[in-house]
N, C-alpha and C. Protein backbone atom coordinates (compact mmCIF):
# COMPACT_ATOMS: atom_id res chain seq x y z
N MET A 1 -42.19 -23.27 24.44
CA MET A 1 -42.16 -21.85 24.14
C MET A 1 -43.56 -21.27 24.18
N ASN A 2 -43.61 -20.10 24.65
CA ASN A 2 -44.92 -19.46 24.64
C ASN A 2 -45.05 -18.58 23.39
N ILE A 3 -46.21 -18.09 23.16
CA ILE A 3 -46.50 -17.33 21.94
C ILE A 3 -45.78 -15.98 21.96
N ARG A 4 -45.65 -15.38 23.12
CA ARG A 4 -45.00 -14.08 23.21
C ARG A 4 -43.52 -14.19 22.83
N PHE A 5 -42.85 -15.23 23.29
CA PHE A 5 -41.44 -15.45 22.97
C PHE A 5 -41.28 -15.73 21.47
N SER A 6 -42.17 -16.50 20.88
CA SER A 6 -42.11 -16.79 19.45
C SER A 6 -42.32 -15.54 18.62
N SER A 7 -43.26 -14.71 19.03
CA SER A 7 -43.49 -13.49 18.27
C SER A 7 -42.32 -12.52 18.43
N LEU A 8 -41.65 -12.53 19.58
CA LEU A 8 -40.48 -11.69 19.77
C LEU A 8 -39.35 -12.14 18.85
N ILE A 9 -39.13 -13.43 18.74
CA ILE A 9 -38.09 -13.96 17.86
C ILE A 9 -38.44 -13.65 16.40
N LEU A 10 -39.69 -13.82 16.03
CA LEU A 10 -40.12 -13.55 14.66
C LEU A 10 -39.97 -12.07 14.33
N THR A 11 -40.34 -11.21 15.25
CA THR A 11 -40.24 -9.77 15.02
C THR A 11 -38.78 -9.33 14.92
N SER A 12 -37.94 -9.82 15.81
CA SER A 12 -36.53 -9.43 15.77
C SER A 12 -35.85 -9.99 14.52
N SER A 13 -36.25 -11.17 14.08
CA SER A 13 -35.70 -11.72 12.83
C SER A 13 -36.13 -10.88 11.64
N ALA A 14 -37.37 -10.46 11.63
CA ALA A 14 -37.87 -9.63 10.54
C ALA A 14 -37.16 -8.29 10.50
N VAL A 15 -36.91 -7.71 11.67
CA VAL A 15 -36.18 -6.43 11.73
C VAL A 15 -34.76 -6.61 11.23
N ALA A 16 -34.11 -7.71 11.60
CA ALA A 16 -32.75 -7.96 11.15
C ALA A 16 -32.69 -8.16 9.64
N VAL A 17 -33.64 -8.88 9.09
CA VAL A 17 -33.69 -9.09 7.64
C VAL A 17 -33.93 -7.78 6.91
N LEU A 18 -34.83 -6.95 7.42
CA LEU A 18 -35.10 -5.66 6.79
C LEU A 18 -33.89 -4.72 6.88
N ALA A 19 -33.18 -4.77 8.00
CA ALA A 19 -31.99 -3.94 8.14
C ALA A 19 -30.90 -4.37 7.17
N LEU A 20 -30.71 -5.67 7.01
CA LEU A 20 -29.72 -6.16 6.05
C LEU A 20 -30.15 -5.87 4.62
N ALA A 21 -31.43 -5.94 4.35
CA ALA A 21 -31.91 -5.63 3.00
C ALA A 21 -31.75 -4.14 2.70
N GLY A 22 -31.89 -3.32 3.71
CA GLY A 22 -31.70 -1.88 3.52
C GLY A 22 -30.26 -1.51 3.25
N CYS A 23 -29.34 -2.32 3.72
CA CYS A 23 -27.92 -2.06 3.50
C CYS A 23 -27.41 -2.66 2.20
N ALA A 24 -28.24 -3.40 1.50
CA ALA A 24 -27.82 -4.04 0.26
C ALA A 24 -27.63 -2.99 -0.83
N SER A 25 -26.75 -3.29 -1.76
CA SER A 25 -26.46 -2.37 -2.84
C SER A 25 -26.81 -3.03 -4.16
N SER A 26 -27.39 -2.26 -5.07
CA SER A 26 -27.71 -2.80 -6.38
C SER A 26 -26.64 -2.46 -7.41
N VAL A 27 -25.54 -1.85 -6.97
CA VAL A 27 -24.45 -1.48 -7.85
C VAL A 27 -23.54 -2.69 -8.04
N LYS A 28 -23.21 -2.97 -9.30
CA LYS A 28 -22.31 -4.09 -9.57
C LYS A 28 -20.90 -3.68 -9.19
N LEU A 29 -20.26 -4.45 -8.32
CA LEU A 29 -18.94 -4.11 -7.84
C LEU A 29 -17.83 -4.84 -8.58
N ASP A 30 -18.17 -5.79 -9.44
CA ASP A 30 -17.14 -6.57 -10.09
C ASP A 30 -16.84 -6.10 -11.51
N ASP A 31 -17.36 -4.95 -11.90
CA ASP A 31 -17.01 -4.40 -13.21
C ASP A 31 -15.62 -3.76 -13.11
N THR A 32 -14.67 -4.42 -13.71
CA THR A 32 -13.30 -3.90 -13.65
C THR A 32 -12.89 -3.42 -15.03
N LYS A 33 -12.43 -2.21 -15.08
CA LYS A 33 -11.90 -1.65 -16.31
C LYS A 33 -10.40 -1.50 -16.10
N PRO A 34 -9.62 -2.01 -17.02
CA PRO A 34 -8.18 -1.91 -16.83
C PRO A 34 -7.71 -0.46 -16.91
N ALA A 35 -6.75 -0.14 -16.08
CA ALA A 35 -6.20 1.21 -16.07
C ALA A 35 -5.36 1.42 -17.32
N PRO A 36 -5.41 2.63 -17.88
CA PRO A 36 -4.58 2.87 -19.06
C PRO A 36 -3.10 2.85 -18.69
N ILE A 37 -2.33 2.20 -19.52
CA ILE A 37 -0.89 2.09 -19.28
C ILE A 37 -0.18 2.94 -20.32
N THR A 38 0.59 3.90 -19.85
CA THR A 38 1.34 4.75 -20.76
C THR A 38 2.80 4.63 -20.45
N SER A 39 3.60 4.84 -21.44
CA SER A 39 5.05 4.75 -21.29
C SER A 39 5.61 6.16 -21.24
N VAL A 40 6.35 6.49 -20.20
CA VAL A 40 6.94 7.81 -20.02
C VAL A 40 8.45 7.63 -19.97
N PRO A 41 9.19 8.36 -20.77
CA PRO A 41 10.65 8.22 -20.73
C PRO A 41 11.20 8.76 -19.41
N VAL A 42 12.19 8.07 -18.90
CA VAL A 42 12.80 8.44 -17.63
C VAL A 42 14.13 9.12 -17.92
N GLY A 43 14.35 10.28 -17.28
CA GLY A 43 15.61 11.00 -17.47
C GLY A 43 16.72 10.36 -16.65
N ASN A 44 17.91 10.93 -16.77
CA ASN A 44 19.05 10.36 -16.06
C ASN A 44 19.12 10.83 -14.61
N GLY A 45 18.21 11.67 -14.18
CA GLY A 45 18.16 12.09 -12.78
C GLY A 45 18.87 13.39 -12.51
N SER A 46 19.76 13.82 -13.38
CA SER A 46 20.49 15.06 -13.12
C SER A 46 19.63 16.28 -13.35
N SER A 47 18.65 16.19 -14.23
CA SER A 47 17.81 17.34 -14.51
C SER A 47 16.51 17.31 -13.72
N ALA A 48 16.39 16.38 -12.79
CA ALA A 48 15.15 16.25 -12.04
C ALA A 48 14.88 17.43 -11.13
N ASN A 49 15.91 18.02 -10.56
CA ASN A 49 15.73 19.14 -9.62
C ASN A 49 16.33 20.43 -10.14
N ASN A 50 16.37 20.62 -11.42
CA ASN A 50 16.91 21.86 -11.98
C ASN A 50 16.06 23.04 -11.53
N GLY A 51 16.69 24.03 -10.95
CA GLY A 51 15.99 25.23 -10.54
C GLY A 51 15.19 25.08 -9.27
N ALA A 52 15.22 23.94 -8.62
CA ALA A 52 14.45 23.75 -7.40
C ALA A 52 15.20 24.34 -6.23
N SER A 53 14.47 24.99 -5.36
CA SER A 53 15.08 25.50 -4.13
C SER A 53 14.16 25.17 -2.97
N SER A 54 14.72 25.01 -1.82
CA SER A 54 13.93 24.64 -0.65
C SER A 54 13.40 25.89 0.02
N ALA A 55 12.13 25.89 0.32
CA ALA A 55 11.51 27.00 1.02
C ALA A 55 11.13 26.59 2.43
N VAL A 56 11.80 25.58 2.96
CA VAL A 56 11.48 25.09 4.30
C VAL A 56 12.15 26.00 5.33
N VAL A 57 11.35 26.49 6.24
CA VAL A 57 11.85 27.37 7.29
C VAL A 57 12.02 26.54 8.55
N PRO A 58 13.16 26.66 9.24
CA PRO A 58 13.36 25.87 10.46
C PRO A 58 12.40 26.33 11.56
N VAL A 59 12.02 25.40 12.41
CA VAL A 59 11.13 25.68 13.52
C VAL A 59 11.94 26.22 14.68
N VAL A 60 11.50 27.36 15.21
CA VAL A 60 12.18 27.98 16.34
C VAL A 60 11.35 27.72 17.58
N THR A 61 11.95 27.08 18.56
CA THR A 61 11.23 26.78 19.80
C THR A 61 11.88 27.50 20.96
N THR A 62 11.13 27.64 22.04
CA THR A 62 11.66 28.26 23.24
C THR A 62 11.71 27.21 24.34
N ASN A 63 12.46 27.48 25.37
CA ASN A 63 12.55 26.57 26.50
C ASN A 63 11.23 26.63 27.27
N SER A 64 10.53 25.51 27.35
CA SER A 64 9.20 25.51 27.95
C SER A 64 9.25 25.65 29.47
N ALA A 65 10.40 25.49 30.10
CA ALA A 65 10.50 25.64 31.54
C ALA A 65 10.41 27.11 31.95
N ASN A 66 10.80 28.01 31.05
CA ASN A 66 10.82 29.44 31.40
C ASN A 66 9.59 30.19 30.90
N VAL A 67 8.68 29.53 30.23
CA VAL A 67 7.53 30.19 29.65
C VAL A 67 6.30 29.97 30.52
N ASP A 68 5.59 31.05 30.83
CA ASP A 68 4.35 30.96 31.58
C ASP A 68 3.24 30.52 30.64
N PRO A 69 2.53 29.42 30.94
CA PRO A 69 1.52 28.91 29.99
C PRO A 69 0.31 29.82 29.83
N VAL A 70 0.02 30.69 30.77
CA VAL A 70 -1.13 31.57 30.67
C VAL A 70 -0.75 32.99 30.31
N ALA A 71 0.50 33.23 29.92
CA ALA A 71 0.95 34.59 29.61
C ALA A 71 0.26 35.14 28.37
N GLY A 72 -0.01 34.30 27.37
CA GLY A 72 -0.62 34.78 26.14
C GLY A 72 -2.13 34.80 26.18
N LEU A 73 -2.73 34.37 27.27
CA LEU A 73 -4.18 34.32 27.36
C LEU A 73 -4.71 35.63 27.92
N ALA A 74 -5.85 36.05 27.41
CA ALA A 74 -6.44 37.30 27.87
C ALA A 74 -7.07 37.14 29.25
N LYS A 75 -7.78 36.04 29.47
CA LYS A 75 -8.47 35.84 30.74
C LYS A 75 -8.68 34.35 30.95
N VAL A 76 -8.46 33.89 32.17
CA VAL A 76 -8.65 32.48 32.50
C VAL A 76 -9.92 32.37 33.32
N ILE A 77 -10.81 31.46 32.91
CA ILE A 77 -12.07 31.26 33.61
C ILE A 77 -12.11 29.82 34.10
N TYR A 78 -12.38 29.65 35.39
CA TYR A 78 -12.48 28.32 35.99
C TYR A 78 -13.95 27.99 36.23
N PHE A 79 -14.35 26.78 35.87
CA PHE A 79 -15.72 26.33 36.11
C PHE A 79 -15.72 24.82 36.21
N ASP A 80 -16.76 24.31 36.86
CA ASP A 80 -16.96 22.87 36.95
C ASP A 80 -17.71 22.40 35.71
N TYR A 81 -17.41 21.19 35.28
CA TYR A 81 -18.07 20.67 34.08
C TYR A 81 -19.54 20.35 34.31
N ASP A 82 -19.91 20.09 35.52
CA ASP A 82 -21.31 19.74 35.79
C ASP A 82 -22.10 20.92 36.35
N SER A 83 -21.57 22.13 36.23
CA SER A 83 -22.25 23.30 36.75
C SER A 83 -22.03 24.47 35.80
N TYR A 84 -22.99 25.38 35.75
CA TYR A 84 -22.87 26.55 34.90
C TYR A 84 -22.35 27.76 35.67
N VAL A 85 -22.02 27.59 36.96
CA VAL A 85 -21.57 28.68 37.80
C VAL A 85 -20.08 28.91 37.56
N VAL A 86 -19.72 30.18 37.29
CA VAL A 86 -18.33 30.55 37.08
C VAL A 86 -17.72 30.89 38.43
N LYS A 87 -16.57 30.25 38.74
CA LYS A 87 -15.92 30.50 40.02
C LYS A 87 -15.11 31.78 39.99
N SER A 88 -14.89 32.36 41.12
CA SER A 88 -14.13 33.60 41.19
C SER A 88 -12.63 33.35 41.34
N ASP A 89 -12.20 32.11 41.38
CA ASP A 89 -10.77 31.80 41.54
C ASP A 89 -10.00 32.34 40.41
């Protein structure tokens, strides 16, 4: 091995170690606090939806074969992605 290759390996190893050290966290992750457990009485299910009503509105669609896709647009502009020139088409 020559000296240049050794210094390259040493430098890249040092960069990798510094990058991993920068990603290290000093926050303790194993501190677990138990979640509070509470007891809630369960009803018989008949009063669960008292007074509830559905406000879901059905979706109304049109036949896409008869609809012009550019009918609702004000103006269509054609251009190439690699050029700033607007075409007259």
